[in-house]
Amino acid sequence: MTPSCRQLLSRDESLTLKALCIIIVMMHNYLHLRGYAAENEFQFYAERVEHIWQLVLHPTLELPLHLICFAAPYCLVGFLFISGYGLVKRYEQGNQSIDRWRLAGKHYVKLLRLIALPIAAAYLTYTLLHGHLPMRLWHTLLEVVLVSNLTRDPAIYPFVYWYLGMALQLYVLYALVLRRRTGHYDLWHQLLLIGLVVGCGVAQMCCEPTGEAIRWLRLNAVGYIGPFVLGMVSARHLDHLKLGRWQWAAIALVSGAAMTVSYGYYYTWLWGWLPATIFAVSCIKALPALQCRPLVWLGGVSAMVYLIHPIVREVSLHYKHPDHPVADLVIYMAVTVVIAAGYAWLMQRLPGKRHH
C-alpha cells in the first residue's frame, strides 16, 4: 500500500467517509417516507427550499431529522468521489493490469453478483406485504440487469437500486474512455474530463427545474459525473497535498457555507456537488477522531448495507408505530446493519473474489 503521507485519503479515511454517507442515506431513505422534509434530489422545487428554511427559523426537536432528510442526497457524492479515487489507485497507480473491456465486464459481473440475492428478497418481501409486484415484470427484469435507468420513466420506488445502474454507467465510462494509460496524452485527457463535467452540467442547466428531462439525467451518469471525475483528478494530482487539521477545518467551513447556499437556487443546486464533495473530504481530514473502528468496519460493508436497507425499510414502514418514528428509525438501522453484516460474511465465502 502507498504510504499514507502520499495519499489524499487513507484506506481508513475512505471507509469512514463511506460509513458516514451510508448512515445518512439510510436515515434519509426512511425519514422522507415518514413525512419529514422533502428533498430536491432529481428535480428542483423552490417551495421545498422555502419549507426547510421555515423549519430552521421555527425549530423543534425534530429539526435535525428534517435537515438530514433534506440534505442527505448530497451524500451520494461521497460514494462517487471514493469510486473515482479508488479506480485510479487500483488500475492506474496500482499493480493491476487489465484490458478495458475486461475491466468493464468485471465490474458489471461484480454488481450483478451483489444485487442478485437482495433484489430477489426485496421483490419477494414487497409482494408478501402488499399482495402484488412493485412494478411491471419487464421493468423488473431491466432493474435486475441494471439498465432500468435508461428507460423513459426510471422507477426509484420502492427500492433504491437505480444507484447501481448509474454507478455501472460510470464504471463502464471509466474503463472504456476515462482510464489513463500513458502520460503522453495527459493534456488531452484533462481536457476530456473538463469537457465531460462542463458539458453534463450545461445539459442539466438547459432543463426545466421540475421537468422529466432533468429527472432522467440525474438518474443517470450525466447527473453524477462531477464527483466521480473529481475523485479521479484528486487521486492523480492531489496526493501530495499537505494541509494541517485547522486548514482542513477552514476549508470545511467555507465549503459547508457554499453547499448551504447552493441548496437555494436551481443553477447553484446543479453544481452543489462540488462544495459538498470538498466539505465531505475536508471534514474527514479535519476530524481524525471520526476514524474509529466501528465506522471503519461499517464503511467496509457499506455496499451490503445499501443493498439490504430497502428491504428492511419496507418491513419497518409496514409495521411502523405512528407515534414513535425515532424508535422505528433506530430499529430499522440496527436490523439493516446486522443483516448486511451477515450478507457480507456470506459473499466472502462464495466462489469468486472478495467484495469491497
Protein backbone atom coordinates (compact mmCIF):
# COMPACT_ATOMS: atom_id res chain seq x y z
CA MET A 1 0.00 0.00 0.00
CA THR A 2 1.15 3.50 -0.73
CA PRO A 3 2.30 5.32 2.37
CA SER A 4 -0.46 7.39 3.89
CA CYS A 5 1.58 10.59 3.56
CA ARG A 6 1.32 10.17 -0.21
CA GLN A 7 -2.43 9.70 -0.24
CA LEU A 8 -5.09 12.35 -0.07
CA LEU A 9 -7.29 9.78 1.68
CA SER A 10 -6.01 6.74 3.51
CA ARG A 11 -7.94 3.50 3.49
CA ASP A 12 -9.41 4.20 6.94
CA GLU A 13 -10.40 7.71 5.91
CA SER A 14 -12.12 6.42 2.78
CA LEU A 15 -14.02 3.79 4.76
CA THR A 16 -15.02 6.35 7.39
CA LEU A 17 -16.40 8.64 4.71
CA LYS A 18 -18.39 5.76 3.21
CA ALA A 19 -19.72 4.84 6.66
CA LEU A 20 -20.95 8.35 7.41
CA CYS A 21 -22.53 8.61 3.97
CA ILE A 22 -24.38 5.30 4.26
CA ILE A 23 -25.69 6.21 7.72
CA ILE A 24 -27.18 9.45 6.41
CA VAL A 25 -28.52 7.77 3.26
CA MET A 26 -30.23 5.10 5.38
CA MET A 27 -31.80 7.77 7.55
CA HIS A 28 -32.94 9.83 4.57
CA ASN A 29 -34.47 6.92 2.69
CA TYR A 30 -36.57 6.14 5.74
CA LEU A 31 -37.44 9.60 7.04
CA HIS A 32 -38.72 11.06 3.80
CA LEU A 33 -41.36 8.31 3.76
CA ARG A 34 -42.37 9.23 7.31
CA GLY A 35 -43.32 12.78 6.36
CA TYR A 36 -40.11 14.66 7.07
CA ALA A 37 -38.82 17.49 4.85
CA ALA A 38 -38.97 16.65 1.14
CA GLU A 39 -35.63 16.86 -0.67
CA ASN A 40 -34.54 18.17 -4.06
CA GLU A 41 -32.70 15.14 -5.40
CA PHE A 42 -33.70 14.63 -9.02
CA GLN A 43 -35.78 17.76 -9.58
CA PHE A 44 -35.71 21.21 -8.03
CA TYR A 45 -38.78 22.60 -6.24
CA ALA A 46 -38.36 26.10 -4.79
CA GLU A 47 -41.18 25.51 -2.31
CA ARG A 48 -39.18 22.71 -0.69
CA VAL A 49 -36.32 25.13 -0.05
CA GLU A 50 -38.78 27.60 1.46
CA HIS A 51 -40.20 24.85 3.64
CA ILE A 52 -36.84 23.83 5.10
CA TRP A 53 -35.99 27.44 5.88
CA GLN A 54 -39.28 27.81 7.72
CA LEU A 55 -38.38 24.75 9.76
CA VAL A 56 -34.97 26.25 10.56
CA LEU A 57 -36.48 29.59 11.59
CA HIS A 58 -39.10 27.86 13.78
CA PRO A 59 -37.11 24.91 15.15
CA THR A 60 -38.45 21.91 17.02
CA LEU A 61 -36.70 18.87 18.44
CA GLU A 62 -37.19 17.15 15.07
CA LEU A 63 -35.21 19.77 13.15
CA PRO A 64 -32.03 17.60 12.87
CA LEU A 65 -34.09 14.85 11.25
CA HIS A 66 -35.65 17.33 8.82
CA LEU A 67 -32.20 18.65 7.89
CA ILE A 68 -30.81 15.15 7.35
CA CYS A 69 -33.80 14.24 5.22
CA PHE A 70 -33.47 17.38 3.09
CA ALA A 71 -29.69 17.43 2.65
CA ALA A 72 -28.92 13.70 2.51
CA PRO A 73 -28.92 13.34 -1.32
CA TYR A 74 -25.63 15.24 -1.35
CA CYS A 75 -24.12 12.25 0.49
CA LEU A 76 -24.11 10.28 -2.75
CA VAL A 77 -21.24 12.46 -3.93
CA GLY A 78 -19.08 10.92 -1.20
CA PHE A 79 -19.57 7.42 -2.62
CA LEU A 80 -18.87 8.59 -6.16
CA PHE A 81 -15.77 10.52 -5.14
CA ILE A 82 -14.40 7.41 -3.43
CA SER A 83 -15.28 5.31 -6.51
CA GLY A 84 -13.36 7.57 -8.89
CA TYR A 85 -10.47 7.87 -6.44
CA GLY A 86 -10.28 4.12 -5.88
CA LEU A 87 -10.40 3.20 -9.57
CA VAL A 88 -7.40 5.39 -10.33
CA LYS A 89 -5.49 4.00 -7.35
CA ARG A 90 -6.19 0.42 -8.35
CA TYR A 91 -5.94 0.44 -12.13
CA GLU A 92 -3.60 3.34 -12.88
CA GLN A 93 -1.28 3.56 -9.88
CA GLY A 94 -1.54 0.01 -8.57
CA ASN A 95 -0.21 -3.26 -9.93
CA GLN A 96 -3.43 -4.41 -11.56
CA SER A 97 -3.28 -4.51 -15.35
CA ILE A 98 -6.44 -5.44 -17.22
CA ASP A 99 -7.92 -4.85 -20.67
CA ARG A 100 -10.56 -2.11 -20.86
CA TRP A 101 -13.37 -4.44 -21.96
CA ARG A 102 -12.48 -6.99 -19.30
CA LEU A 103 -12.44 -4.20 -16.71
CA ALA A 104 -15.93 -3.06 -17.72
CA GLY A 105 -17.18 -6.65 -17.69
CA LYS A 106 -15.56 -7.33 -14.33
CA HIS A 107 -17.46 -4.51 -12.63
CA TYR A 108 -20.71 -5.46 -14.33
CA VAL A 109 -20.47 -9.06 -13.15
CA LYS A 110 -19.49 -7.89 -9.67
CA LEU A 111 -22.59 -5.70 -9.40
CA LEU A 112 -24.83 -8.49 -10.74
CA ARG A 113 -23.46 -10.90 -8.11
CA LEU A 114 -24.02 -8.38 -5.36
CA ILE A 115 -27.56 -7.46 -6.32
CA ALA A 116 -28.93 -10.91 -7.23
CA LEU A 117 -29.97 -12.08 -3.77
CA PRO A 118 -31.04 -8.69 -2.32
CA ILE A 119 -33.24 -7.78 -5.27
CA ALA A 120 -34.94 -11.18 -5.17
CA ALA A 121 -35.53 -10.75 -1.44
CA ALA A 122 -36.77 -7.19 -1.98
CA TYR A 123 -39.36 -8.19 -4.57
CA LEU A 124 -40.49 -11.19 -2.52
CA THR A 125 -40.84 -9.04 0.61
CA TYR A 126 -42.85 -6.37 -1.20
CA THR A 127 -45.14 -8.95 -2.81
CA LEU A 128 -45.81 -10.71 0.50
CA LEU A 129 -46.56 -7.40 2.25
CA HIS A 130 -48.72 -5.82 -0.44
CA GLY A 131 -50.04 -8.71 -2.50
CA HIS A 132 -48.62 -7.58 -5.84
CA LEU A 133 -45.31 -6.85 -7.55
CA PRO A 134 -43.95 -3.31 -7.09
CA MET A 135 -43.68 -2.72 -10.85
CA ARG A 136 -44.27 -4.33 -14.21
CA LEU A 137 -42.40 -7.52 -14.96
CA TRP A 138 -40.42 -6.08 -17.87
CA HIS A 139 -39.22 -3.18 -15.72
CA THR A 140 -38.27 -5.65 -13.02
CA LEU A 141 -36.09 -7.56 -15.47
CA LEU A 142 -34.43 -4.33 -16.61
CA GLU A 143 -33.70 -3.42 -12.99
CA VAL A 144 -32.17 -6.85 -12.36
CA VAL A 145 -29.68 -6.31 -15.21
CA LEU A 146 -29.03 -2.71 -14.08
CA VAL A 147 -30.29 -0.85 -17.15
CA SER A 148 -33.70 0.37 -15.93
CA ASN A 149 -32.21 3.88 -15.55
CA LEU A 150 -32.17 4.17 -19.33
CA THR A 151 -35.92 3.70 -19.73
CA ARG A 152 -38.16 6.69 -20.34
CA ASP A 153 -39.54 6.62 -16.80
CA PRO A 154 -36.99 5.04 -14.42
CA ALA A 155 -38.51 3.69 -11.21
CA ILE A 156 -36.94 4.79 -7.93
CA TYR A 157 -39.55 3.41 -5.52
CA PRO A 158 -39.98 1.20 -3.57
CA PHE A 159 -36.30 0.34 -3.90
CA VAL A 160 -33.20 2.44 -4.50
CA TYR A 161 -31.29 0.19 -6.85
CA TRP A 162 -31.26 2.90 -9.53
CA TYR A 163 -27.94 3.98 -7.98
CA LEU A 164 -26.28 0.72 -9.02
CA GLY A 165 -27.32 1.23 -12.64
CA MET A 166 -25.95 4.77 -12.56
CA ALA A 167 -22.71 3.58 -10.92
CA LEU A 168 -22.36 0.91 -13.60
CA GLN A 169 -22.53 3.61 -16.27
CA LEU A 170 -19.67 5.46 -14.60
CA TYR A 171 -17.59 2.28 -14.24
CA VAL A 172 -18.04 1.47 -17.93
CA LEU A 173 -17.24 5.06 -18.90
CA TYR A 174 -14.05 4.88 -16.84
CA ALA A 175 -13.00 1.51 -18.25
CA LEU A 176 -13.60 2.40 -21.89
CA VAL A 177 -12.83 6.13 -22.05
CA LEU A 178 -11.54 7.82 -18.90
CA ARG A 179 -8.84 5.39 -17.79
CA ARG A 180 -5.45 6.95 -18.46
CA ARG A 181 -2.89 4.56 -19.93
CA THR A 182 0.07 6.86 -20.51
CA GLY A 183 1.10 10.38 -19.61
CA HIS A 184 1.68 11.13 -23.30
CA TYR A 185 -1.99 12.02 -23.66
CA ASP A 186 -2.28 13.76 -20.31
CA LEU A 187 -3.27 17.20 -21.65
CA TRP A 188 -5.94 15.83 -23.96
CA HIS A 189 -7.17 13.59 -21.19
CA GLN A 190 -7.59 16.52 -18.81
CA LEU A 191 -9.45 18.47 -21.48
CA LEU A 192 -11.74 15.47 -21.95
CA LEU A 193 -12.52 15.35 -18.23
CA ILE A 194 -13.24 19.08 -18.10
CA GLY A 195 -15.39 18.87 -21.20
CA LEU A 196 -17.41 15.99 -19.76
CA VAL A 197 -18.10 17.74 -16.45
CA VAL A 198 -18.94 21.09 -18.04
CA GLY A 199 -20.98 19.52 -20.82
CA CYS A 200 -23.05 17.43 -18.42
CA GLY A 201 -23.59 20.47 -16.20
CA VAL A 202 -24.70 22.64 -19.09
CA ALA A 203 -27.06 19.90 -20.32
CA GLN A 204 -28.79 19.98 -16.94
CA MET A 205 -28.89 23.77 -16.88
CA CYS A 206 -30.88 23.67 -20.11
CA CYS A 207 -33.64 21.62 -18.47
CA GLU A 208 -36.74 22.76 -16.63
CA PRO A 209 -36.16 22.51 -12.86
CA THR A 210 -39.21 20.28 -12.33
CA GLY A 211 -39.26 18.60 -15.73
CA GLU A 212 -38.84 14.97 -16.65
CA ALA A 213 -35.64 15.68 -18.59
CA ILE A 214 -33.66 16.82 -15.53
CA ARG A 215 -35.05 13.85 -13.57
CA TRP A 216 -33.85 11.42 -16.23
CA LEU A 217 -30.40 13.00 -16.45
CA ARG A 218 -29.96 12.91 -12.68
CA LEU A 219 -30.97 9.25 -12.57
CA ASN A 220 -28.10 8.51 -14.94
CA ALA A 221 -24.39 9.22 -15.13
CA VAL A 222 -24.90 12.73 -16.54
CA GLY A 223 -26.10 13.93 -13.16
CA TYR A 224 -23.21 12.44 -11.17
CA ILE A 225 -20.16 12.64 -13.41
CA GLY A 226 -18.80 15.61 -11.42
CA PRO A 227 -17.86 14.00 -8.07
CA PHE A 228 -16.67 10.86 -9.87
CA VAL A 229 -14.25 12.85 -12.04
CA LEU A 230 -13.18 14.93 -9.04
CA GLY A 231 -12.19 11.71 -7.29
CA MET A 232 -10.14 10.65 -10.31
CA VAL A 233 -8.38 14.01 -10.53
CA SER A 234 -7.69 14.02 -6.78
CA ALA A 235 -6.06 10.60 -6.96
CA ARG A 236 -3.83 11.72 -9.82
CA HIS A 237 -2.83 15.20 -8.70
CA LEU A 238 -3.66 15.89 -5.02
CA ASP A 239 -1.95 13.03 -3.19
CA HIS A 240 0.95 15.25 -2.19
CA LEU A 241 -1.32 17.97 -0.80
CA LYS A 242 -0.20 18.59 2.78
CA LEU A 243 -2.53 20.62 4.99
CA GLY A 244 -2.95 20.73 8.75
CA ARG A 245 -6.14 19.96 10.63
CA TRP A 246 -7.01 23.64 11.09
CA GLN A 247 -6.53 24.32 7.39
CA TRP A 248 -8.86 21.44 6.55
CA ALA A 249 -11.32 22.78 9.13
CA ALA A 250 -11.28 26.18 7.44
CA ILE A 251 -11.91 24.55 4.08
CA ALA A 252 -14.79 22.61 5.64
CA LEU A 253 -16.36 25.80 6.95
CA VAL A 254 -16.12 27.62 3.62
CA SER A 255 -17.29 24.67 1.53
CA GLY A 256 -20.08 23.93 4.02
CA ALA A 257 -21.32 27.52 3.70
CA ALA A 258 -21.13 27.30 -0.11
CA MET A 259 -23.00 23.99 -0.02
CA THR A 260 -25.75 25.52 2.12
CA VAL A 261 -26.16 28.44 -0.28
CA SER A 262 -26.23 26.08 -3.25
CA TYR A 263 -29.42 24.46 -1.94
CA GLY A 264 -31.39 27.62 -2.58
CA TYR A 265 -31.27 28.14 -6.34
CA TYR A 266 -31.63 25.86 -9.32
CA TYR A 267 -28.35 26.65 -11.08
CA THR A 268 -26.27 26.53 -7.89
CA TRP A 269 -28.07 23.33 -6.88
CA LEU A 270 -26.86 21.70 -10.09
CA TRP A 271 -23.26 22.47 -9.14
CA GLY A 272 -23.69 21.87 -5.42
CA TRP A 273 -21.85 18.55 -5.72
CA LEU A 274 -18.56 20.49 -5.82
CA PRO A 275 -18.71 22.19 -2.38
CA ALA A 276 -20.47 19.10 -0.99
CA THR A 277 -17.60 16.83 -2.03
CA ILE A 278 -14.97 19.23 -0.73
CA PHE A 279 -16.90 19.54 2.53
CA ALA A 280 -17.09 15.76 2.99
CA VAL A 281 -13.39 15.19 2.34
CA SER A 282 -12.23 18.14 4.44
CA CYS A 283 -14.37 17.03 7.41
CA ILE A 284 -12.74 13.61 7.34
CA LYS A 285 -9.28 15.21 7.20
CA ALA A 286 -10.06 17.77 9.91
CA LEU A 287 -11.55 15.25 12.36
CA PRO A 288 -9.29 12.20 12.60
CA ALA A 289 -11.21 11.09 15.69
CA LEU A 290 -14.01 10.03 13.32
CA GLN A 291 -11.82 7.15 12.16
CA CYS A 292 -12.92 4.81 14.92
CA ARG A 293 -13.01 1.06 14.38
CA PRO A 294 -16.84 0.76 14.23
CA LEU A 295 -17.09 3.36 11.45
CA VAL A 296 -14.18 1.86 9.53
CA TRP A 297 -15.87 -1.54 9.78
CA LEU A 298 -19.23 -0.11 8.68
CA GLY A 299 -17.56 1.54 5.69
CA GLY A 300 -16.26 -1.86 4.67
CA VAL A 301 -19.79 -3.29 4.46
CA SER A 302 -21.48 -0.10 3.20
CA ALA A 303 -22.31 -1.70 -0.16
CA MET A 304 -24.15 -4.51 1.62
CA VAL A 305 -25.96 -2.00 3.83
CA TYR A 306 -27.11 -0.11 0.74
CA LEU A 307 -28.45 -3.32 -0.84
CA ILE A 308 -30.23 -4.55 2.30
CA HIS A 309 -31.73 -1.36 3.72
CA PRO A 310 -34.64 -1.03 1.22
CA ILE A 311 -35.87 -4.49 2.26
CA VAL A 312 -35.79 -3.73 5.98
CA ARG A 313 -37.30 -0.29 5.31
CA GLU A 314 -40.29 -1.85 3.56
CA VAL A 315 -40.99 -4.13 6.52
CA SER A 316 -40.44 -1.31 9.02
CA LEU A 317 -42.82 1.03 7.20
CA HIS A 318 -45.45 -1.69 7.03
CA TYR A 319 -45.34 -2.23 10.80
CA LYS A 320 -44.49 1.33 11.83
CA HIS A 321 -45.59 2.97 15.06
CA PRO A 322 -47.08 6.37 14.15
CA ASP A 323 -46.08 7.97 17.45
CA HIS A 324 -42.52 6.62 17.61
CA PRO A 325 -40.68 7.47 14.35
CA VAL A 326 -37.29 7.77 16.02
CA ALA A 327 -37.57 4.38 17.73
CA ASP A 328 -38.64 2.86 14.41
CA LEU A 329 -35.68 4.52 12.71
CA VAL A 330 -33.17 3.15 15.21
CA ILE A 331 -34.57 -0.39 14.99
CA TYR A 332 -34.62 -0.28 11.18
CA MET A 333 -30.99 0.86 11.02
CA ALA A 334 -29.79 -1.68 13.58
CA VAL A 335 -31.54 -4.58 11.84
CA THR A 336 -30.18 -3.43 8.49
CA VAL A 337 -26.60 -3.42 9.73
CA VAL A 338 -26.93 -6.88 11.30
CA ILE A 339 -28.38 -8.43 8.13
CA ALA A 340 -25.85 -6.59 5.95
CA ALA A 341 -23.02 -7.99 8.07
CA GLY A 342 -24.39 -11.47 7.56
CA TYR A 343 -24.71 -10.92 3.82
CA ALA A 344 -21.14 -9.63 3.67
CA TRP A 345 -19.99 -12.76 5.52
CA LEU A 346 -21.89 -14.92 3.01
CA MET A 347 -20.46 -13.16 -0.03
CA GLN A 348 -16.93 -13.56 1.28
CA ARG A 349 -17.41 -17.32 1.30
CA LEU A 350 -18.95 -17.72 -2.12
CA PRO A 351 -16.69 -18.74 -5.02
CA GLY A 352 -15.00 -15.77 -6.67
CA LYS A 353 -13.13 -12.73 -5.50
CA ARG A 354 -13.74 -10.80 -2.35
CA HIS A 355 -16.21 -7.91 -2.48
CA HIS A 356 -15.36 -4.50 -1.13
